[in-house]
């Protein structure tokens, strides 16, 4: 999570969203736009519980350089990994 935030691959969404109707649609739209992964912090029925939802952290946004940046942060690879042979 820290690596994604540091590389600009997370977009925090503080506006209330419905877990049943909106989160999936926003994640899909973010993925389609190659946008940073949305981090929902204000989920209907879960306010004040500390629960958050991070959508599509393995997707690659337009900001990603190199292509493996988002994937590397979720697979313990270096952000500079460019070859599949380097993936554990």
PDB file of N, CA and C in Angstrom:
ATOM      1  N   UNK A   1       0.827  -1.185   0.000  1.00  0.00           N
ATOM      2  CA  UNK A   1       0.000   0.000   0.000  1.00  0.00           C
ATOM      3  C   UNK A   1       0.874   1.252   0.000  1.00  0.00           C
ATOM      4  N   UNK A   2       1.891   1.237   0.838  1.00  0.00           N
ATOM      5  CA  UNK A   2       2.789   2.386   0.924  1.00  0.00           C
ATOM      6  C   UNK A   2       3.497   2.622  -0.406  1.00  0.00           C
ATOM      7  N   UNK A   3       3.922   1.535  -1.056  1.00  0.00           N
ATOM      8  CA  UNK A   3       4.616   1.654  -2.346  1.00  0.00           C
ATOM      9  C   UNK A   3       3.684   2.211  -3.416  1.00  0.00           C
ATOM     10  N   UNK A   4       2.445   1.765  -3.414  1.00  0.00           N
ATOM     11  CA  UNK A   4       1.479   2.281  -4.393  1.00  0.00           C
ATOM     12  C   UNK A   4       1.223   3.770  -4.170  1.00  0.00           C
ATOM     13  N   UNK A   5       1.034   4.159  -2.918  1.00  0.00           N
ATOM     14  CA  UNK A   5       0.796   5.572  -2.611  1.00  0.00           C
ATOM     15  C   UNK A   5       1.999   6.421  -2.996  1.00  0.00           C
ATOM     16  N   UNK A   6       3.193   5.940  -2.695  1.00  0.00           N
ATOM     17  CA  UNK A   6       4.411   6.697  -2.997  1.00  0.00           C
ATOM     18  C   UNK A   6       4.616   6.896  -4.489  1.00  0.00           C
ATOM     19  N   UNK A   7       4.135   5.957  -5.288  1.00  0.00           N
ATOM     20  CA  UNK A   7       4.306   6.067  -6.738  1.00  0.00           C
ATOM     21  C   UNK A   7       3.127   6.746  -7.421  1.00  0.00           C
ATOM     22  N   UNK A   8       2.165   7.246  -6.637  1.00  0.00           N
ATOM     23  CA  UNK A   8       1.011   7.947  -7.221  1.00  0.00           C
ATOM     24  C   UNK A   8      -0.010   7.020  -7.829  1.00  0.00           C
ATOM     25  N   UNK A   9      -0.008   5.759  -7.411  1.00  0.00           N
ATOM     26  CA  UNK A   9      -0.911   4.764  -7.990  1.00  0.00           C
ATOM     27  C   UNK A   9      -2.187   4.561  -7.186  1.00  0.00           C
ATOM     28  N   UNK A  10      -2.452   5.442  -6.208  1.00  0.00           N
ATOM     29  CA  UNK A  10      -3.672   5.344  -5.397  1.00  0.00           C
ATOM     30  C   UNK A  10      -4.382   6.689  -5.425  1.00  0.00           C
ATOM     31  N   UNK A  11      -5.696   6.636  -5.646  1.00  0.00           N
ATOM     32  CA  UNK A  11      -6.519   7.831  -5.585  1.00  0.00           C
ATOM     33  C   UNK A  11      -7.517   7.636  -4.444  1.00  0.00           C
ATOM     34  N   UNK A  12      -7.361   8.403  -3.371  1.00  0.00           N
ATOM     35  CA  UNK A  12      -8.242   8.280  -2.215  1.00  0.00           C
ATOM     36  C   UNK A  12      -9.587   8.931  -2.516  1.00  0.00           C
ATOM     37  N   UNK A  13     -10.650   8.199  -2.219  1.00  0.00           N
ATOM     38  CA  UNK A  13     -12.014   8.695  -2.426  1.00  0.00           C
ATOM     39  C   UNK A  13     -12.677   8.763  -1.056  1.00  0.00           C
ATOM     40  N   UNK A  14     -12.874   9.986  -0.559  1.00  0.00           N
ATOM     41  CA  UNK A  14     -13.460  10.202   0.763  1.00  0.00           C
ATOM     42  C   UNK A  14     -14.978  10.382   0.717  1.00  0.00           C
ATOM     43  N   UNK A  15     -15.533  10.574  -0.476  1.00  0.00           N
ATOM     44  CA  UNK A  15     -16.982  10.725  -0.620  1.00  0.00           C
ATOM     45  C   UNK A  15     -17.651   9.387  -0.306  1.00  0.00           C
ATOM     46  N   UNK A  16     -18.801   9.422   0.361  1.00  0.00           N
ATOM     47  CA  UNK A  16     -19.505   8.187   0.701  1.00  0.00           C
ATOM     48  C   UNK A  16     -19.896   7.420  -0.560  1.00  0.00           C
ATOM     49  N   UNK A  17     -19.608   6.118  -0.537  1.00  0.00           N
ATOM     50  CA  UNK A  17     -19.983   5.238  -1.651  1.00  0.00           C
ATOM     51  C   UNK A  17     -20.691   4.011  -1.092  1.00  0.00           C
ATOM     52  N   UNK A  18     -21.622   3.488  -1.847  1.00  0.00           N
ATOM     53  CA  UNK A  18     -22.359   2.300  -1.452  1.00  0.00           C
ATOM     54  C   UNK A  18     -21.558   1.065  -1.830  1.00  0.00           C
ATOM     55  N   UNK A  19     -21.329   0.173  -0.879  1.00  0.00           N
ATOM     56  CA  UNK A  19     -20.515  -1.016  -1.115  1.00  0.00           C
ATOM     57  C   UNK A  19     -21.175  -1.965  -2.097  1.00  0.00           C
ATOM     58  N   UNK A  20     -22.504  -1.927  -2.162  1.00  0.00           N
ATOM     59  CA  UNK A  20     -23.221  -2.885  -2.987  1.00  0.00           C
ATOM     60  C   UNK A  20     -23.435  -2.375  -4.418  1.00  0.00           C
ATOM     61  N   UNK A  21     -23.546  -1.071  -4.575  1.00  0.00           N
ATOM     62  CA  UNK A  21     -23.912  -0.542  -5.886  1.00  0.00           C
ATOM     63  C   UNK A  21     -22.819   0.269  -6.577  1.00  0.00           C
ATOM     64  N   UNK A  22     -21.999   0.964  -5.829  1.00  0.00           N
ATOM     65  CA  UNK A  22     -21.094   1.927  -6.450  1.00  0.00           C
ATOM     66  C   UNK A  22     -19.634   1.500  -6.522  1.00  0.00           C
ATOM     67  N   UNK A  23     -19.136   0.823  -5.513  1.00  0.00           N
ATOM     68  CA  UNK A  23     -17.704   0.527  -5.475  1.00  0.00           C
ATOM     69  C   UNK A  23     -17.259  -0.252  -6.706  1.00  0.00           C
ATOM     70  N   UNK A  24     -17.960  -1.294  -7.064  1.00  0.00           N
ATOM     71  CA  UNK A  24     -17.594  -2.106  -8.229  1.00  0.00           C
ATOM     72  C   UNK A  24     -17.589  -1.298  -9.516  1.00  0.00           C
ATOM     73  N   UNK A  25     -18.578  -0.421  -9.672  1.00  0.00           N
ATOM     74  CA  UNK A  25     -18.660   0.398 -10.880  1.00  0.00           C
ATOM     75  C   UNK A  25     -17.503   1.390 -10.965  1.00  0.00           C
ATOM     76  N   UNK A  26     -17.145   1.997  -9.831  1.00  0.00           N
ATOM     77  CA  UNK A  26     -16.038   2.954  -9.820  1.00  0.00           C
ATOM     78  C   UNK A  26     -14.716   2.237 -10.106  1.00  0.00           C
ATOM     79  N   UNK A  27     -14.533   1.055  -9.515  1.00  0.00           N
ATOM     80  CA  UNK A  27     -13.309   0.292  -9.769  1.00  0.00           C
ATOM     81  C   UNK A  27     -13.207  -0.048 -11.256  1.00  0.00           C
ATOM     82  N   UNK A  28     -14.281  -0.520 -11.827  1.00  0.00           N
ATOM     83  CA  UNK A  28     -14.267  -0.882 -13.255  1.00  0.00           C
ATOM     84  C   UNK A  28     -13.975   0.336 -14.120  1.00  0.00           C
ATOM     85  N   UNK A  29     -14.590   1.461 -13.800  1.00  0.00           N
ATOM     86  CA  UNK A  29     -14.364   2.683 -14.572  1.00  0.00           C
ATOM     87  C   UNK A  29     -12.911   3.149 -14.428  1.00  0.00           C
ATOM     88  N   UNK A  30     -12.367   3.072 -13.234  1.00  0.00           N
ATOM     89  CA  UNK A  30     -10.965   3.440 -13.016  1.00  0.00           C
ATOM     90  C   UNK A  30     -10.047   2.545 -13.835  1.00  0.00           C
ATOM     91  N   UNK A  31     -10.348   1.256 -13.863  1.00  0.00           N
ATOM     92  CA  UNK A  31      -9.559   0.293 -14.629  1.00  0.00           C
ATOM     93  C   UNK A  31      -9.625   0.616 -16.119  1.00  0.00           C
ATOM     94  N   UNK A  32     -10.839   0.887 -16.607  1.00  0.00           N
ATOM     95  CA  UNK A  32     -11.020   1.210 -18.031  1.00  0.00           C
ATOM     96  C   UNK A  32     -10.271   2.475 -18.429  1.00  0.00           C
ATOM     97  N   UNK A  33     -10.178   3.436 -17.517  1.00  0.00           N
ATOM     98  CA  UNK A  33      -9.496   4.703 -17.794  1.00  0.00           C
ATOM     99  C   UNK A  33      -7.988   4.638 -17.531  1.00  0.00           C
ATOM    100  N   UNK A  34      -7.510   3.480 -17.059  1.00  0.00           N
ATOM    101  CA  UNK A  34      -6.100   3.338 -16.651  1.00  0.00           C
ATOM    102  C   UNK A  34      -5.753   4.375 -15.586  1.00  0.00           C
ATOM    103  N   UNK A  35      -6.687   4.589 -14.666  1.00  0.00           N
ATOM    104  CA  UNK A  35      -6.500   5.554 -13.581  1.00  0.00           C
ATOM    105  C   UNK A  35      -5.862   4.848 -12.383  1.00  0.00           C
ATOM    106  N   UNK A  36      -5.315   5.611 -11.446  1.00  0.00           N
ATOM    107  CA  UNK A  36      -4.777   4.994 -10.223  1.00  0.00           C
ATOM    108  C   UNK A  36      -5.861   4.207  -9.485  1.00  0.00           C
ATOM    109  N   UNK A  37      -5.445   3.239  -8.699  1.00  0.00           N
ATOM    110  CA  UNK A  37      -6.379   2.401  -7.946  1.00  0.00           C
ATOM    111  C   UNK A  37      -7.169   3.252  -6.956  1.00  0.00           C
ATOM    112  N   UNK A  38      -8.494   3.142  -6.950  1.00  0.00           N
ATOM    113  CA  UNK A  38      -9.285   3.912  -5.992  1.00  0.00           C
ATOM    114  C   UNK A  38      -9.227   3.290  -4.596  1.00  0.00           C
ATOM    115  N   UNK A  39      -9.056   4.145  -3.600  1.00  0.00           N
ATOM    116  CA  UNK A  39      -9.093   3.725  -2.200  1.00  0.00           C
ATOM    117  C   UNK A  39     -10.303   4.393  -1.562  1.00  0.00           C
ATOM    118  N   UNK A  40     -11.306   3.582  -1.256  1.00  0.00           N
ATOM    119  CA  UNK A  40     -12.551   4.096  -0.684  1.00  0.00           C
ATOM    120  C   UNK A  40     -12.432   4.121   0.832  1.00  0.00           C
ATOM    121  N   UNK A  41     -12.660   5.292   1.430  1.00  0.00           N
ATOM    122  CA  UNK A  41     -12.503   5.445   2.877  1.00  0.00           C
ATOM    123  C   UNK A  41     -13.820   5.698   3.606  1.00  0.00           C
ATOM    124  N   UNK A  42     -14.914   5.914   2.856  1.00  0.00           N
ATOM    125  CA  UNK A  42     -16.199   6.255   3.463  1.00  0.00           C
ATOM    126  C   UNK A  42     -17.275   5.379   2.825  1.00  0.00           C
ATOM    127  N   UNK A  43     -17.446   4.169   3.373  1.00  0.00           N
ATOM    128  CA  UNK A  43     -18.321   3.172   2.775  1.00  0.00           C
ATOM    129  C   UNK A  43     -19.641   3.120   3.537  1.00  0.00           C
ATOM    130  N   UNK A  44     -20.734   3.208   2.814  1.00  0.00           N
ATOM    131  CA  UNK A  44     -22.065   3.162   3.415  1.00  0.00           C
ATOM    132  C   UNK A  44     -22.185   1.951   4.339  1.00  0.00           C
ATOM    133  N   UNK A  45     -22.727   2.164   5.512  1.00  0.00           N
ATOM    134  CA  UNK A  45     -22.929   1.154   6.559  1.00  0.00           C
ATOM    135  C   UNK A  45     -21.642   0.762   7.282  1.00  0.00           C
ATOM    136  N   UNK A  46     -20.496   1.331   6.900  1.00  0.00           N
ATOM    137  CA  UNK A  46     -19.229   0.974   7.547  1.00  0.00           C
ATOM    138  C   UNK A  46     -18.449   2.194   8.019  1.00  0.00           C
ATOM    139  N   UNK A  47     -19.101   3.354   8.109  1.00  0.00           N
ATOM    140  CA  UNK A  47     -18.428   4.548   8.607  1.00  0.00           C
ATOM    141  C   UNK A  47     -17.976   4.330  10.046  1.00  0.00           C
ATOM    142  N   UNK A  48     -16.787   4.823  10.354  1.00  0.00           N
ATOM    143  CA  UNK A  48     -16.274   4.748  11.712  1.00  0.00           C
ATOM    144  C   UNK A  48     -15.728   3.394  12.126  1.00  0.00           C
ATOM    145  N   UNK A  49     -15.683   2.435  11.214  1.00  0.00           N
ATOM    146  CA  UNK A  49     -15.188   1.091  11.551  1.00  0.00           C
ATOM    147  C   UNK A  49     -13.719   0.907  11.175  1.00  0.00           C
ATOM    148  N   UNK A  50     -13.189   1.808  10.357  1.00  0.00           N
ATOM    149  CA  UNK A  50     -11.810   1.665   9.898  1.00  0.00           C
ATOM    150  C   UNK A  50     -11.682   0.846   8.626  1.00  0.00           C
ATOM    151  N   UNK A  51     -12.787   0.271   8.153  1.00  0.00           N
ATOM    152  CA  UNK A  51     -12.734  -0.508   6.922  1.00  0.00           C
ATOM    153  C   UNK A  51     -12.540   0.405   5.722  1.00  0.00           C
ATOM    154  N   UNK A  52     -11.668  -0.019   4.832  1.00  0.00           N
ATOM    155  CA  UNK A  52     -11.434   0.680   3.571  1.00  0.00           C
ATOM    156  C   UNK A  52     -11.399  -0.374   2.474  1.00  0.00           C
ATOM    157  N   UNK A  53     -11.604   0.059   1.229  1.00  0.00           N
ATOM    158  CA  UNK A  53     -11.540  -0.854   0.092  1.00  0.00           C
ATOM    159  C   UNK A  53     -10.574  -0.265  -0.928  1.00  0.00           C
ATOM    160  N   UNK A  54      -9.612  -1.080  -1.349  1.00  0.00           N
ATOM    161  CA  UNK A  54      -8.681  -0.693  -2.407  1.00  0.00           C
ATOM    162  C   UNK A  54      -9.038  -1.484  -3.643  1.00  0.00           C
ATOM    163  N   UNK A  55      -9.386  -0.791  -4.718  1.00  0.00           N
ATOM    164  CA  UNK A  55      -9.803  -1.463  -5.939  1.00  0.00           C
ATOM    165  C   UNK A  55      -8.728  -1.521  -6.999  1.00  0.00           C
ATOM    166  N   UNK A  56      -8.566  -2.670  -7.617  1.00  0.00           N
ATOM    167  CA  UNK A  56      -7.676  -2.884  -8.755  1.00  0.00           C
ATOM    168  C   UNK A  56      -6.238  -2.437  -8.511  1.00  0.00           C
ATOM    169  N   UNK A  57      -5.612  -2.856  -7.396  1.00  0.00           N
ATOM    170  CA  UNK A  57      -4.238  -2.427  -7.139  1.00  0.00           C
ATOM    171  C   UNK A  57      -3.234  -3.009  -8.125  1.00  0.00           C
ATOM    172  N   UNK A  58      -3.588  -4.088  -8.803  1.00  0.00           N
ATOM    173  CA  UNK A  58      -2.680  -4.709  -9.763  1.00  0.00           C
ATOM    174  C   UNK A  58      -2.798  -4.156 -11.164  1.00  0.00           C
ATOM    175  N   UNK A  59      -3.740  -3.260 -11.381  1.00  0.00           N
ATOM    176  CA  UNK A  59      -3.899  -2.654 -12.703  1.00  0.00           C
ATOM    177  C   UNK A  59      -2.798  -1.620 -12.915  1.00  0.00           C
ATOM    178  N   UNK A  60      -2.526  -1.322 -14.157  1.00  0.00           N
ATOM    179  CA  UNK A  60      -1.474  -0.360 -14.481  1.00  0.00           C
ATOM    180  C   UNK A  60      -2.114   0.936 -14.939  1.00  0.00           C
ATOM    181  N   UNK A  61      -1.802   2.036 -14.273  1.00  0.00           N
ATOM    182  CA  UNK A  61      -2.367   3.319 -14.674  1.00  0.00           C
ATOM    183  C   UNK A  61      -1.471   3.989 -15.704  1.00  0.00           C
ATOM    184  N   UNK A  62      -1.950   5.069 -16.281  1.00  0.00           N
ATOM    185  CA  UNK A  62      -1.173   5.829 -17.254  1.00  0.00           C
ATOM    186  C   UNK A  62       0.083   6.412 -16.626  1.00  0.00           C
ATOM    187  N   UNK A  63       0.075   6.559 -15.304  1.00  0.00           N
ATOM    188  CA  UNK A  63       1.225   7.122 -14.605  1.00  0.00           C
ATOM    189  C   UNK A  63       2.345   6.102 -14.432  1.00  0.00           C
ATOM    190  N   UNK A  64       2.028   4.815 -14.582  1.00  0.00           N
ATOM    191  CA  UNK A  64       2.998   3.766 -14.305  1.00  0.00           C
ATOM    192  C   UNK A  64       4.172   3.789 -15.259  1.00  0.00           C
ATOM    193  N   UNK A  65       5.357   3.763 -14.669  1.00  0.00           N
ATOM    194  CA  UNK A  65       6.578   3.622 -15.440  1.00  0.00           C
ATOM    195  C   UNK A  65       7.548   2.874 -14.557  1.00  0.00           C
ATOM    196  N   UNK A  66       7.983   1.730 -14.871  1.00  0.00           N
ATOM    197  CA  UNK A  66       7.605   0.925 -16.020  1.00  0.00           C
ATOM    198  C   UNK A  66       6.259   0.228 -15.825  1.00  0.00           C
ATOM    199  N   UNK A  67       5.870  -0.559 -16.817  1.00  0.00           N
ATOM    200  CA  UNK A  67       4.572  -1.223 -16.809  1.00  0.00           C
ATOM    201  C   UNK A  67       4.340  -2.065 -15.567  1.00  0.00           C
ATOM    202  N   UNK A  68       5.380  -2.612 -15.001  1.00  0.00           N
ATOM    203  CA  UNK A  68       5.235  -3.528 -13.873  1.00  0.00           C
ATOM    204  C   UNK A  68       5.084  -2.836 -12.531  1.00  0.00           C
ATOM    205  N   UNK A  69       5.076  -1.516 -12.458  1.00  0.00           N
ATOM    206  CA  UNK A  69       5.096  -0.838 -11.152  1.00  0.00           C
ATOM    207  C   UNK A  69       3.974  -1.293 -10.223  1.00  0.00           C
ATOM    208  N   UNK A  70       2.734  -1.227 -10.669  1.00  0.00           N
ATOM    209  CA  UNK A  70       1.620  -1.604  -9.795  1.00  0.00           C
ATOM    210  C   UNK A  70       1.671  -3.089  -9.452  1.00  0.00           C
ATOM    211  N   UNK A  71       1.980  -3.913 -10.437  1.00  0.00           N
ATOM    212  CA  UNK A  71       2.058  -5.346 -10.178  1.00  0.00           C
ATOM    213  C   UNK A  71       3.201  -5.676  -9.230  1.00  0.00           C
ATOM    214  N   UNK A  72       4.317  -4.987  -9.383  1.00  0.00           N
ATOM    215  CA  UNK A  72       5.468  -5.299  -8.540  1.00  0.00           C
ATOM    216  C   UNK A  72       5.184  -5.020  -7.078  1.00  0.00           C
ATOM    217  N   UNK A  73       4.372  -4.016  -6.804  1.00  0.00           N
ATOM    218  CA  UNK A  73       4.087  -3.681  -5.411  1.00  0.00           C
ATOM    219  C   UNK A  73       3.190  -4.716  -4.750  1.00  0.00           C
ATOM    220  N   UNK A  74       2.482  -5.510  -5.544  1.00  0.00           N
ATOM    221  CA  UNK A  74       1.618  -6.535  -4.977  1.00  0.00           C
ATOM    222  C   UNK A  74       2.256  -7.916  -5.032  1.00  0.00           C
ATOM    223  N   UNK A  75       3.433  -8.037  -5.659  1.00  0.00           N
ATOM    224  CA  UNK A  75       4.086  -9.345  -5.785  1.00  0.00           C
ATOM    225  C   UNK A  75       5.486  -9.374  -5.198  1.00  0.00           C
ATOM    226  N   UNK A  76       5.882  -8.338  -4.487  1.00  0.00           N
ATOM    227  CA  UNK A  76       7.196  -8.251  -3.845  1.00  0.00           C
ATOM    228  C   UNK A  76       8.345  -8.173  -4.835  1.00  0.00           C
ATOM    229  N   UNK A  77       8.067  -7.728  -6.057  1.00  0.00           N
ATOM    230  CA  UNK A  77       9.124  -7.509  -7.044  1.00  0.00           C
ATOM    231  C   UNK A  77       9.609  -6.075  -6.930  1.00  0.00           C
ATOM    232  N   UNK A  78      10.759  -5.817  -7.474  1.00  0.00           N
ATOM    233  CA  UNK A  78      11.256  -4.455  -7.541  1.00  0.00           C
ATOM    234  C   UNK A  78      10.415  -3.670  -8.541  1.00  0.00           C
ATOM    235  N   UNK A  79      10.143  -2.384  -8.281  1.00  0.00           N
ATOM    236  CA  UNK A  79       9.390  -1.565  -9.248  1.00  0.00           C
ATOM    237  C   UNK A  79      10.098  -1.422 -10.587  1.00  0.00           C
ATOM    238  N   UNK A  80      11.371  -1.772 -10.652  1.00  0.00           N
ATOM    239  CA  UNK A  80      12.104  -1.661 -11.915  1.00  0.00           C
ATOM    240  C   UNK A  80      12.129  -2.974 -12.685  1.00  0.00           C
ATOM    241  N   UNK A  81      11.434  -3.988 -12.174  1.00  0.00           N
ATOM    242  CA  UNK A  81      11.379  -5.273 -12.868  1.00  0.00           C
ATOM    243  C   UNK A  81      10.751  -5.098 -14.231  1.00  0.00           C
ATOM    244  N   UNK A  82      11.418  -5.604 -15.262  1.00  0.00           N
ATOM    245  CA  UNK A  82      10.886  -5.499 -16.612  1.00  0.00           C
ATOM    246  C   UNK A  82      10.773  -6.853 -17.300  1.00  0.00           C
ATOM    247  N   UNK A  83      11.313  -7.905 -16.687  1.00  0.00           N
ATOM    248  CA  UNK A  83      11.280  -9.226 -17.302  1.00  0.00           C
ATOM    249  C   UNK A  83      10.498 -10.198 -16.423  1.00  0.00           C
ATOM    250  N   UNK A  84       9.722 -11.059 -17.057  1.00  0.00           N
ATOM    251  CA  UNK A  84       8.965 -12.033 -16.285  1.00  0.00           C
ATOM    252  C   UNK A  84       9.893 -13.009 -15.585  1.00  0.00           C
ATOM    253  N   UNK A  85      11.134 -13.161 -16.084  1.00  0.00           N
ATOM    254  CA  UNK A  85      12.093 -14.059 -15.435  1.00  0.00           C
ATOM    255  C   UNK A  85      12.471 -13.530 -14.051  1.00  0.00           C
ATOM    256  N   UNK A  86      12.268 -12.218 -13.794  1.00  0.00           N
ATOM    257  CA  UNK A  86      12.599 -11.635 -12.494  1.00  0.00           C
ATOM    258  C   UNK A  86      11.491 -11.808 -11.463  1.00  0.00           C
ATOM    259  N   UNK A  87      10.335 -12.275 -11.894  1.00  0.00           N
ATOM    260  CA  UNK A  87       9.189 -12.420 -11.001  1.00  0.00           C
ATOM    261  C   UNK A  87       9.340 -13.704 -10.210  1.00  0.00           C
ATOM    262  N   UNK A  88       9.237 -13.630  -8.873  1.00  0.00           N
ATOM    263  CA  UNK A  88       9.413 -14.846  -8.052  1.00  0.00           C
ATOM    264  C   UNK A  88       8.287 -15.851  -8.258  1.00  0.00           C
TER     265      UNK A  88
END
